[in-house]
Amino acid sequence: MEVLRKGLAVGALLGVGAGVGAALFALVAPGEQKTQAILKELPEQDPRRRAEAARTKELLLATLQQAAATQENVAWRKNWMEDGGGSRRSA
């Protein structure tokens, strides 16, 4: 009987905790209009920012393709913007 009482008490306590958590979440969660306003102000919505991100991705992809096409270890380049010609560090 003691085990059953403890089990019910724990279950009730967990239920109350879940209820309080759900109530607090409902209080602090922004409404639909507020969510839309926040999304409009994100930096990713700016066309200049999106163009910059696309250019960065293009440069990264080009660098990865160049690295895949060569046998040189590009991680050892002193200046990554140059082609490898003797710019390796001495080990």
PDB file of N, CA and C in Angstrom:
ATOM      1  N   MET A   1       0.825  -1.191   0.000  1.00  0.00           N
ATOM      2  CA  MET A   1       0.000   0.000   0.000  1.00  0.00           C
ATOM      3  C   MET A   1       0.871   1.258   0.000  1.00  0.00           C
ATOM      4  N   GLU A   2       1.992   1.176   0.704  1.00  0.00           N
ATOM      5  CA  GLU A   2       2.914   2.316   0.779  1.00  0.00           C
ATOM      6  C   GLU A   2       3.503   2.617  -0.608  1.00  0.00           C
ATOM      7  N   VAL A   3       3.827   1.563  -1.355  1.00  0.00           N
ATOM      8  CA  VAL A   3       4.395   1.741  -2.686  1.00  0.00           C
ATOM      9  C   VAL A   3       3.377   2.406  -3.607  1.00  0.00           C
ATOM     10  N   LEU A   4       2.131   1.995  -3.512  1.00  0.00           N
ATOM     11  CA  LEU A   4       1.075   2.575  -4.337  1.00  0.00           C
ATOM     12  C   LEU A   4       0.892   4.057  -4.009  1.00  0.00           C
ATOM     13  N   ARG A   5       0.936   4.411  -2.741  1.00  0.00           N
ATOM     14  CA  ARG A   5       0.776   5.799  -2.312  1.00  0.00           C
ATOM     15  C   ARG A   5       1.946   6.650  -2.841  1.00  0.00           C
ATOM     16  N   LYS A   6       3.170   6.123  -2.739  1.00  0.00           N
ATOM     17  CA  LYS A   6       4.328   6.858  -3.243  1.00  0.00           C
ATOM     18  C   LYS A   6       4.240   7.016  -4.766  1.00  0.00           C
ATOM     19  N   GLY A   7       3.810   5.978  -5.436  1.00  0.00           N
ATOM     20  CA  GLY A   7       3.676   6.042  -6.894  1.00  0.00           C
ATOM     21  C   GLY A   7       2.652   7.081  -7.313  1.00  0.00           C
ATOM     22  N   LEU A   8       1.517   7.120  -6.624  1.00  0.00           N
ATOM     23  CA  LEU A   8       0.496   8.121  -6.936  1.00  0.00           C
ATOM     24  C   LEU A   8       0.996   9.532  -6.637  1.00  0.00           C
ATOM     25  N   ALA A   9       1.736   9.685  -5.534  1.00  0.00           N
ATOM     26  CA  ALA A   9       2.274  10.992  -5.183  1.00  0.00           C
ATOM     27  C   ALA A   9       3.272  11.470  -6.240  1.00  0.00           C
ATOM     28  N   VAL A  10       4.132  10.573  -6.680  1.00  0.00           N
ATOM     29  CA  VAL A  10       5.111  10.937  -7.718  1.00  0.00           C
ATOM     30  C   VAL A  10       4.392  11.273  -9.015  1.00  0.00           C
ATOM     31  N   GLY A  11       3.404  10.487  -9.376  1.00  0.00           N
ATOM     32  CA  GLY A  11       2.635  10.752 -10.600  1.00  0.00           C
ATOM     33  C   GLY A  11       1.911  12.092 -10.527  1.00  0.00           C
ATOM     34  N   ALA A  12       1.327  12.384  -9.386  1.00  0.00           N
ATOM     35  CA  ALA A  12       0.626  13.665  -9.214  1.00  0.00           C
ATOM     36  C   ALA A  12       1.616  14.824  -9.298  1.00  0.00           C
ATOM     37  N   LEU A  13       2.770  14.650  -8.675  1.00  0.00           N
ATOM     38  CA  LEU A  13       3.787  15.702  -8.704  1.00  0.00           C
ATOM     39  C   LEU A  13       4.288  15.945 -10.127  1.00  0.00           C
ATOM     40  N   LEU A  14       4.507  14.884 -10.872  1.00  0.00           N
ATOM     41  CA  LEU A  14       4.921  15.037 -12.260  1.00  0.00           C
ATOM     42  C   LEU A  14       3.832  15.699 -13.096  1.00  0.00           C
ATOM     43  N   GLY A  15       2.601  15.347 -12.862  1.00  0.00           N
ATOM     44  CA  GLY A  15       1.482  15.952 -13.583  1.00  0.00           C
ATOM     45  C   GLY A  15       1.368  17.441 -13.295  1.00  0.00           C
ATOM     46  N   VAL A  16       1.534  17.811 -12.017  1.00  0.00           N
ATOM     47  CA  VAL A  16       1.476  19.228 -11.645  1.00  0.00           C
ATOM     48  C   VAL A  16       2.642  19.979 -12.294  1.00  0.00           C
ATOM     49  N   GLY A  17       3.819  19.380 -12.285  1.00  0.00           N
ATOM     50  CA  GLY A  17       4.980  20.020 -12.910  1.00  0.00           C
ATOM     51  C   GLY A  17       4.777  20.224 -14.399  1.00  0.00           C
ATOM     52  N   ALA A  18       4.233  19.223 -15.062  1.00  0.00           N
ATOM     53  CA  ALA A  18       3.967  19.336 -16.497  1.00  0.00           C
ATOM     54  C   ALA A  18       2.917  20.411 -16.763  1.00  0.00           C
ATOM     55  N   GLY A  19       1.923  20.486 -15.937  1.00  0.00           N
ATOM     56  CA  GLY A  19       0.878  21.510 -16.092  1.00  0.00           C
ATOM     57  C   GLY A  19       1.432  22.915 -15.906  1.00  0.00           C
ATOM     58  N   VAL A  20       2.276  23.079 -14.886  1.00  0.00           N
ATOM     59  CA  VAL A  20       2.886  24.396 -14.647  1.00  0.00           C
ATOM     60  C   VAL A  20       3.799  24.758 -15.813  1.00  0.00           C
ATOM     61  N   GLY A  21       4.566  23.807 -16.309  1.00  0.00           N
ATOM     62  CA  GLY A  21       5.444  24.069 -17.445  1.00  0.00           C
ATOM     63  C   GLY A  21       4.665  24.464 -18.689  1.00  0.00           C
ATOM     64  N   ALA A  22       3.577  23.772 -18.968  1.00  0.00           N
ATOM     65  CA  ALA A  22       2.756  24.104 -20.133  1.00  0.00           C
ATOM     66  C   ALA A  22       2.134  25.489 -19.991  1.00  0.00           C
ATOM     67  N   ALA A  23       1.687  25.827 -18.785  1.00  0.00           N
ATOM     68  CA  ALA A  23       1.098  27.146 -18.551  1.00  0.00           C
ATOM     69  C   ALA A  23       2.129  28.253 -18.737  1.00  0.00           C
ATOM     70  N   LEU A  24       3.335  28.035 -18.221  1.00  0.00           N
ATOM     71  CA  LEU A  24       4.393  29.038 -18.390  1.00  0.00           C
ATOM     72  C   LEU A  24       4.777  29.187 -19.856  1.00  0.00           C
ATOM     73  N   PHE A  25       4.848  28.088 -20.587  1.00  0.00           N
ATOM     74  CA  PHE A  25       5.171  28.151 -22.008  1.00  0.00           C
ATOM     75  C   PHE A  25       4.103  28.942 -22.760  1.00  0.00           C
ATOM     76  N   ALA A  26       2.835  28.715 -22.427  1.00  0.00           N
ATOM     77  CA  ALA A  26       1.750  29.438 -23.090  1.00  0.00           C
ATOM     78  C   ALA A  26       1.826  30.933 -22.784  1.00  0.00           C
ATOM     79  N   LEU A  27       2.304  31.286 -21.607  1.00  0.00           N
ATOM     80  CA  LEU A  27       2.415  32.699 -21.238  1.00  0.00           C
ATOM     81  C   LEU A  27       3.528  33.409 -21.987  1.00  0.00           C
ATOM     82  N   VAL A  28       4.669  32.767 -22.176  1.00  0.00           N
ATOM     83  CA  VAL A  28       5.819  33.447 -22.744  1.00  0.00           C
ATOM     84  C   VAL A  28       5.965  33.252 -24.256  1.00  0.00           C
ATOM     85  N   ALA A  29       5.268  32.308 -24.845  1.00  0.00           N
ATOM     86  CA  ALA A  29       5.374  32.074 -26.288  1.00  0.00           C
ATOM     87  C   ALA A  29       4.739  33.245 -27.034  1.00  0.00           C
ATOM     88  N   PRO A  30       5.451  33.792 -28.067  1.00  0.00           N
ATOM     89  CA  PRO A  30       4.880  34.919 -28.804  1.00  0.00           C
ATOM     90  C   PRO A  30       3.710  34.470 -29.673  1.00  0.00           C
ATOM     91  N   GLY A  31       2.810  35.403 -29.929  1.00  0.00           N
ATOM     92  CA  GLY A  31       1.666  35.111 -30.789  1.00  0.00           C
ATOM     93  C   GLY A  31       2.093  35.023 -32.247  1.00  0.00           C
ATOM     94  N   GLU A  32       1.147  34.693 -33.115  1.00  0.00           N
ATOM     95  CA  GLU A  32       1.436  34.522 -34.535  1.00  0.00           C
ATOM     96  C   GLU A  32       1.916  35.823 -35.169  1.00  0.00           C
ATOM     97  N   GLN A  33       1.286  36.945 -34.828  1.00  0.00           N
ATOM     98  CA  GLN A  33       1.693  38.227 -35.408  1.00  0.00           C
ATOM     99  C   GLN A  33       3.103  38.603 -34.962  1.00  0.00           C
ATOM    100  N   LYS A  34       3.399  38.379 -33.702  1.00  0.00           N
ATOM    101  CA  LYS A  34       4.731  38.681 -33.187  1.00  0.00           C
ATOM    102  C   LYS A  34       5.774  37.784 -33.859  1.00  0.00           C
ATOM    103  N   THR A  35       5.449  36.528 -34.057  1.00  0.00           N
ATOM    104  CA  THR A  35       6.360  35.602 -34.723  1.00  0.00           C
ATOM    105  C   THR A  35       6.650  36.059 -36.145  1.00  0.00           C
ATOM    106  N   GLN A  36       5.613  36.489 -36.884  1.00  0.00           N
ATOM    107  CA  GLN A  36       5.802  36.970 -38.249  1.00  0.00           C
ATOM    108  C   GLN A  36       6.662  38.233 -38.272  1.00  0.00           C
ATOM    109  N   ALA A  37       6.469  39.122 -37.307  1.00  0.00           N
ATOM    110  CA  ALA A  37       7.272  40.345 -37.230  1.00  0.00           C
ATOM    111  C   ALA A  37       8.738  40.015 -36.950  1.00  0.00           C
ATOM    112  N   ILE A  38       8.975  39.062 -36.085  1.00  0.00           N
ATOM    113  CA  ILE A  38      10.346  38.645 -35.778  1.00  0.00           C
ATOM    114  C   ILE A  38      11.003  38.049 -37.021  1.00  0.00           C
ATOM    115  N   LEU A  39      10.271  37.209 -37.751  1.00  0.00           N
ATOM    116  CA  LEU A  39      10.826  36.572 -38.948  1.00  0.00           C
ATOM    117  C   LEU A  39      11.165  37.593 -40.031  1.00  0.00           C
ATOM    118  N   LYS A  40      10.377  38.665 -40.132  1.00  0.00           N
ATOM    119  CA  LYS A  40      10.651  39.688 -41.138  1.00  0.00           C
ATOM    120  C   LYS A  40      11.924  40.459 -40.833  1.00  0.00           C
ATOM    121  N   GLU A  41      12.303  40.547 -39.569  1.00  0.00           N
ATOM    122  CA  GLU A  41      13.463  41.330 -39.170  1.00  0.00           C
ATOM    123  C   GLU A  41      14.750  40.514 -39.080  1.00  0.00           C
ATOM    124  N   LEU A  42      14.692  39.220 -39.381  1.00  0.00           N
ATOM    125  CA  LEU A  42      15.894  38.400 -39.340  1.00  0.00           C
ATOM    126  C   LEU A  42      16.886  38.847 -40.407  1.00  0.00           C
ATOM    127  N   PRO A  43      18.181  38.763 -40.110  1.00  0.00           N
ATOM    128  CA  PRO A  43      19.175  39.179 -41.104  1.00  0.00           C
ATOM    129  C   PRO A  43      19.107  38.375 -42.397  1.00  0.00           C
ATOM    130  N   GLU A  44      18.655  37.145 -42.342  1.00  0.00           N
ATOM    131  CA  GLU A  44      18.578  36.298 -43.522  1.00  0.00           C
ATOM    132  C   GLU A  44      17.525  36.780 -44.512  1.00  0.00           C
ATOM    133  N   GLN A  45      16.633  37.673 -44.095  1.00  0.00           N
ATOM    134  CA  GLN A  45      15.600  38.185 -44.987  1.00  0.00           C
ATOM    135  C   GLN A  45      16.108  39.336 -45.848  1.00  0.00           C
ATOM    136  N   ASP A  46      17.250  39.915 -45.504  1.00  0.00           N
ATOM    137  CA  ASP A  46      17.834  41.016 -46.258  1.00  0.00           C
ATOM    138  C   ASP A  46      18.446  40.477 -47.550  1.00  0.00           C
ATOM    139  N   PRO A  47      18.062  41.017 -48.722  1.00  0.00           N
ATOM    140  CA  PRO A  47      18.601  40.495 -49.988  1.00  0.00           C
ATOM    141  C   PRO A  47      20.121  40.606 -50.083  1.00  0.00           C
ATOM    142  N   ARG A  48      20.702  41.661 -49.534  1.00  0.00           N
ATOM    143  CA  ARG A  48      22.165  41.794 -49.569  1.00  0.00           C
ATOM    144  C   ARG A  48      22.818  40.698 -48.749  1.00  0.00           C
ATOM    145  N   ARG A  49      22.242  40.382 -47.618  1.00  0.00           N
ATOM    146  CA  ARG A  49      22.787  39.336 -46.744  1.00  0.00           C
ATOM    147  C   ARG A  49      22.689  37.971 -47.427  1.00  0.00           C
ATOM    148  N   ARG A  50      21.557  37.725 -48.092  1.00  0.00           N
ATOM    149  CA  ARG A  50      21.391  36.452 -48.807  1.00  0.00           C
ATOM    150  C   ARG A  50      22.383  36.336 -49.952  1.00  0.00           C
ATOM    151  N   ALA A  51      22.625  37.437 -50.679  1.00  0.00           N
ATOM    152  CA  ALA A  51      23.586  37.419 -51.777  1.00  0.00           C
ATOM    153  C   ALA A  51      24.999  37.167 -51.248  1.00  0.00           C
ATOM    154  N   GLU A  52      25.323  37.794 -50.125  1.00  0.00           N
ATOM    155  CA  GLU A  52      26.642  37.579 -49.520  1.00  0.00           C
ATOM    156  C   GLU A  52      26.814  36.127 -49.085  1.00  0.00           C
ATOM    157  N   ALA A  53      25.788  35.556 -48.491  1.00  0.00           N
ATOM    158  CA  ALA A  53      25.856  34.160 -48.059  1.00  0.00           C
ATOM    159  C   ALA A  53      25.996  33.230 -49.261  1.00  0.00           C
ATOM    160  N   ALA A  54      25.287  33.522 -50.344  1.00  0.00           N
ATOM    161  CA  ALA A  54      25.392  32.695 -51.545  1.00  0.00           C
ATOM    162  C   ALA A  54      26.797  32.788 -52.132  1.00  0.00           C
ATOM    163  N   ARG A  55      27.376  33.991 -52.163  1.00  0.00           N
ATOM    164  CA  ARG A  55      28.736  34.171 -52.687  1.00  0.00           C
ATOM    165  C   ARG A  55      29.747  33.416 -51.822  1.00  0.00           C
ATOM    166  N   THR A  56      29.571  33.475 -50.503  1.00  0.00           N
ATOM    167  CA  THR A  56      30.465  32.761 -49.599  1.00  0.00           C
ATOM    168  C   THR A  56      30.390  31.254 -49.853  1.00  0.00           C
ATOM    169  N   LYS A  57      29.198  30.748 -50.044  1.00  0.00           N
ATOM    170  CA  LYS A  57      29.032  29.320 -50.324  1.00  0.00           C
ATOM    171  C   LYS A  57      29.674  28.947 -51.652  1.00  0.00           C
ATOM    172  N   GLU A  58      29.546  29.830 -52.660  1.00  0.00           N
ATOM    173  CA  GLU A  58      30.177  29.565 -53.952  1.00  0.00           C
ATOM    174  C   GLU A  58      31.696  29.495 -53.808  1.00  0.00           C
ATOM    175  N   LEU A  59      32.282  30.431 -53.057  1.00  0.00           N
ATOM    176  CA  LEU A  59      33.726  30.435 -52.853  1.00  0.00           C
ATOM    177  C   LEU A  59      34.188  29.187 -52.109  1.00  0.00           C
ATOM    178  N   LEU A  60      33.428  28.796 -51.106  1.00  0.00           N
ATOM    179  CA  LEU A  60      33.771  27.601 -50.348  1.00  0.00           C
ATOM    180  C   LEU A  60      33.709  26.363 -51.231  1.00  0.00           C
ATOM    181  N   LEU A  61      32.665  26.268 -52.034  1.00  0.00           N
ATOM    182  CA  LEU A  61      32.529  25.122 -52.929  1.00  0.00           C
ATOM    183  C   LEU A  61      33.669  25.097 -53.943  1.00  0.00           C
ATOM    184  N   ALA A  62      34.030  26.257 -54.497  1.00  0.00           N
ATOM    185  CA  ALA A  62      35.135  26.312 -55.454  1.00  0.00           C
ATOM    186  C   ALA A  62      36.443  25.885 -54.799  1.00  0.00           C
ATOM    187  N   THR A  63      36.667  26.318 -53.554  1.00  0.00           N
ATOM    188  CA  THR A  63      37.875  25.929 -52.836  1.00  0.00           C
ATOM    189  C   THR A  63      37.903  24.425 -52.596  1.00  0.00           C
ATOM    190  N   LEU A  64      36.778  23.865 -52.204  1.00  0.00           N
ATOM    191  CA  LEU A  64      36.710  22.423 -51.971  1.00  0.00           C
ATOM    192  C   LEU A  64      36.922  21.639 -53.268  1.00  0.00           C
ATOM    193  N   GLN A  65      36.364  22.139 -54.367  1.00  0.00           N
ATOM    194  CA  GLN A  65      36.552  21.455 -55.641  1.00  0.00           C
ATOM    195  C   GLN A  65      38.012  21.517 -56.068  1.00  0.00           C
ATOM    196  N   GLN A  66      38.649  22.670 -55.864  1.00  0.00           N
ATOM    197  CA  GLN A  66      40.055  22.809 -56.212  1.00  0.00           C
ATOM    198  C   GLN A  66      40.908  21.883 -55.349  1.00  0.00           C
ATOM    199  N   ALA A  67      40.604  21.806 -54.071  1.00  0.00           N
ATOM    200  CA  ALA A  67      41.356  20.934 -53.172  1.00  0.00           C
ATOM    201  C   ALA A  67      41.172  19.472 -53.551  1.00  0.00           C
ATOM    202  N   ALA A  68      39.976  19.118 -53.996  1.00  0.00           N
ATOM    203  CA  ALA A  68      39.723  17.726 -54.381  1.00  0.00           C
ATOM    204  C   ALA A  68      40.433  17.364 -55.683  1.00  0.00           C
ATOM    205  N   ALA A  69      40.698  18.360 -56.506  1.00  0.00           N
ATOM    206  CA  ALA A  69      41.310  18.092 -57.808  1.00  0.00           C
ATOM    207  C   ALA A  69      42.835  18.017 -57.746  1.00  0.00           C
ATOM    208  N   THR A  70      43.434  18.340 -56.630  1.00  0.00           N
ATOM    209  CA  THR A  70      44.889  18.357 -56.530  1.00  0.00           C
ATOM    210  C   THR A  70      45.365  17.330 -55.503  1.00  0.00           C
ATOM    211  N   GLN A  71      46.617  16.950 -55.650  1.00  0.00           N
ATOM    212  CA  GLN A  71      47.209  16.029 -54.685  1.00  0.00           C
ATOM    213  C   GLN A  71      47.880  16.774 -53.543  1.00  0.00           C
ATOM    214  N   GLU A  72      47.980  18.100 -53.662  1.00  0.00           N
ATOM    215  CA  GLU A  72      48.644  18.906 -52.645  1.00  0.00           C
ATOM    216  C   GLU A  72      47.775  18.986 -51.387  1.00  0.00           C
ATOM    217  N   ASN A  73      48.438  19.007 -50.262  1.00  0.00           N
ATOM    218  CA  ASN A  73      47.729  19.199 -49.003  1.00  0.00           C
ATOM    219  C   ASN A  73      47.540  20.709 -48.806  1.00  0.00           C
ATOM    220  N   VAL A  74      46.360  21.212 -49.138  1.00  0.00           N
ATOM    221  CA  VAL A  74      46.132  22.652 -49.110  1.00  0.00           C
ATOM    222  C   VAL A  74      46.117  23.209 -47.694  1.00  0.00           C
ATOM    223  N   ALA A  75      46.015  22.365 -46.698  1.00  0.00           N
ATOM    224  CA  ALA A  75      46.025  22.839 -45.316  1.00  0.00           C
ATOM    225  C   ALA A  75      47.389  23.392 -44.925  1.00  0.00           C
ATOM    226  N   TRP A  76      48.445  23.037 -45.682  1.00  0.00           N
ATOM    227  CA  TRP A  76      49.790  23.501 -45.347  1.00  0.00           C
ATOM    228  C   TRP A  76      50.156  24.795 -46.061  1.00  0.00           C
ATOM    229  N   ARG A  77      49.253  25.356 -46.834  1.00  0.00           N
ATOM    230  CA  ARG A  77      49.552  26.610 -47.530  1.00  0.00           C
ATOM    231  C   ARG A  77      49.659  27.746 -46.536  1.00  0.00           C
ATOM    232  N   LYS A  78      50.654  28.613 -46.765  1.00  0.00           N
ATOM    233  CA  LYS A  78      50.768  29.801 -45.922  1.00  0.00           C
ATOM    234  C   LYS A  78      49.699  30.814 -46.305  1.00  0.00           C
ATOM    235  N   ASN A  79      49.499  30.984 -47.593  1.00  0.00           N
ATOM    236  CA  ASN A  79      48.461  31.880 -48.082  1.00  0.00           C
ATOM    237  C   ASN A  79      47.481  31.049 -48.896  1.00  0.00           C
ATOM    238  N   TRP A  80      46.302  30.875 -48.411  1.00  0.00           N
ATOM    239  CA  TRP A  80      45.333  29.990 -49.035  1.00  0.00           C
ATOM    240  C   TRP A  80      44.778  30.559 -50.325  1.00  0.00           C
ATOM    241  N   MET A  81      44.989  31.837 -50.564  1.00  0.00           N
ATOM    242  CA  MET A  81      44.458  32.453 -51.766  1.00  0.00           C
ATOM    243  C   MET A  81      45.367  32.197 -52.966  1.00  0.00           C
ATOM    244  N   GLU A  82      46.597  31.741 -52.740  1.00  0.00           N
ATOM    245  CA  GLU A  82      47.539  31.458 -53.819  1.00  0.00           C
ATOM    246  C   GLU A  82      47.430  30.003 -54.240  1.00  0.00           C
ATOM    247  N   ASP A  83      47.888  29.744 -55.445  1.00  0.00           N
ATOM    248  CA  ASP A  83      48.058  28.347 -55.832  1.00  0.00           C
ATOM    249  C   ASP A  83      49.333  27.858 -55.210  1.00  0.00           C
ATOM    250  N   GLY A  84      49.406  26.588 -54.920  1.00  0.00           N
ATOM    251  CA  GLY A  84      50.421  26.000 -54.061  1.00  0.00           C
ATOM    252  C   GLY A  84      51.875  26.243 -54.340  1.00  0.00           C
ATOM    253  N   GLY A  85      52.377  26.508 -55.492  1.00  0.00           N
ATOM    254  CA  GLY A  85      53.746  26.597 -55.884  1.00  0.00           C
ATOM    255  C   GLY A  85      54.783  26.859 -54.803  1.00  0.00           C
ATOM    256  N   GLY A  86      55.182  25.865 -54.057  1.00  0.00           N
ATOM    257  CA  GLY A  86      56.274  25.979 -53.097  1.00  0.00           C
ATOM    258  C   GLY A  86      55.924  26.729 -51.823  1.00  0.00           C
ATOM    259  N   SER A  87      54.656  26.882 -51.521  1.00  0.00           N
ATOM    260  CA  SER A  87      54.299  27.639 -50.326  1.00  0.00           C
ATOM    261  C   SER A  87      54.051  26.740 -49.115  1.00  0.00           C
ATOM    262  N   ARG A  88      54.541  25.520 -49.183  1.00  0.00           N
ATOM    263  CA  ARG A  88      54.366  24.602 -48.046  1.00  0.00           C
ATOM    264  C   ARG A  88      55.326  24.961 -46.928  1.00  0.00           C
ATOM    265  N   ARG A  89      54.896  24.684 -45.722  1.00  0.00           N
ATOM    266  CA  ARG A  89      55.775  24.869 -44.558  1.00  0.00           C
ATOM    267  C   ARG A  89      56.789  23.740 -44.534  1.00  0.00           C
ATOM    268  N   SER A  90      57.936  24.015 -43.977  1.00  0.00           N
ATOM    269  CA  SER A  90      58.890  22.922 -43.810  1.00  0.00           C
ATOM    270  C   SER A  90      58.585  22.198 -42.510  1.00  0.00           C
ATOM    271  N   ALA A  91      58.468  20.891 -42.594  1.00  0.00           N
ATOM    272  CA  ALA A  91      58.039  20.121 -41.430  1.00  0.00           C
ATOM    273  C   ALA A  91      59.175  19.766 -40.525  1.00  0.00           C
TER     274      ALA A  91
END
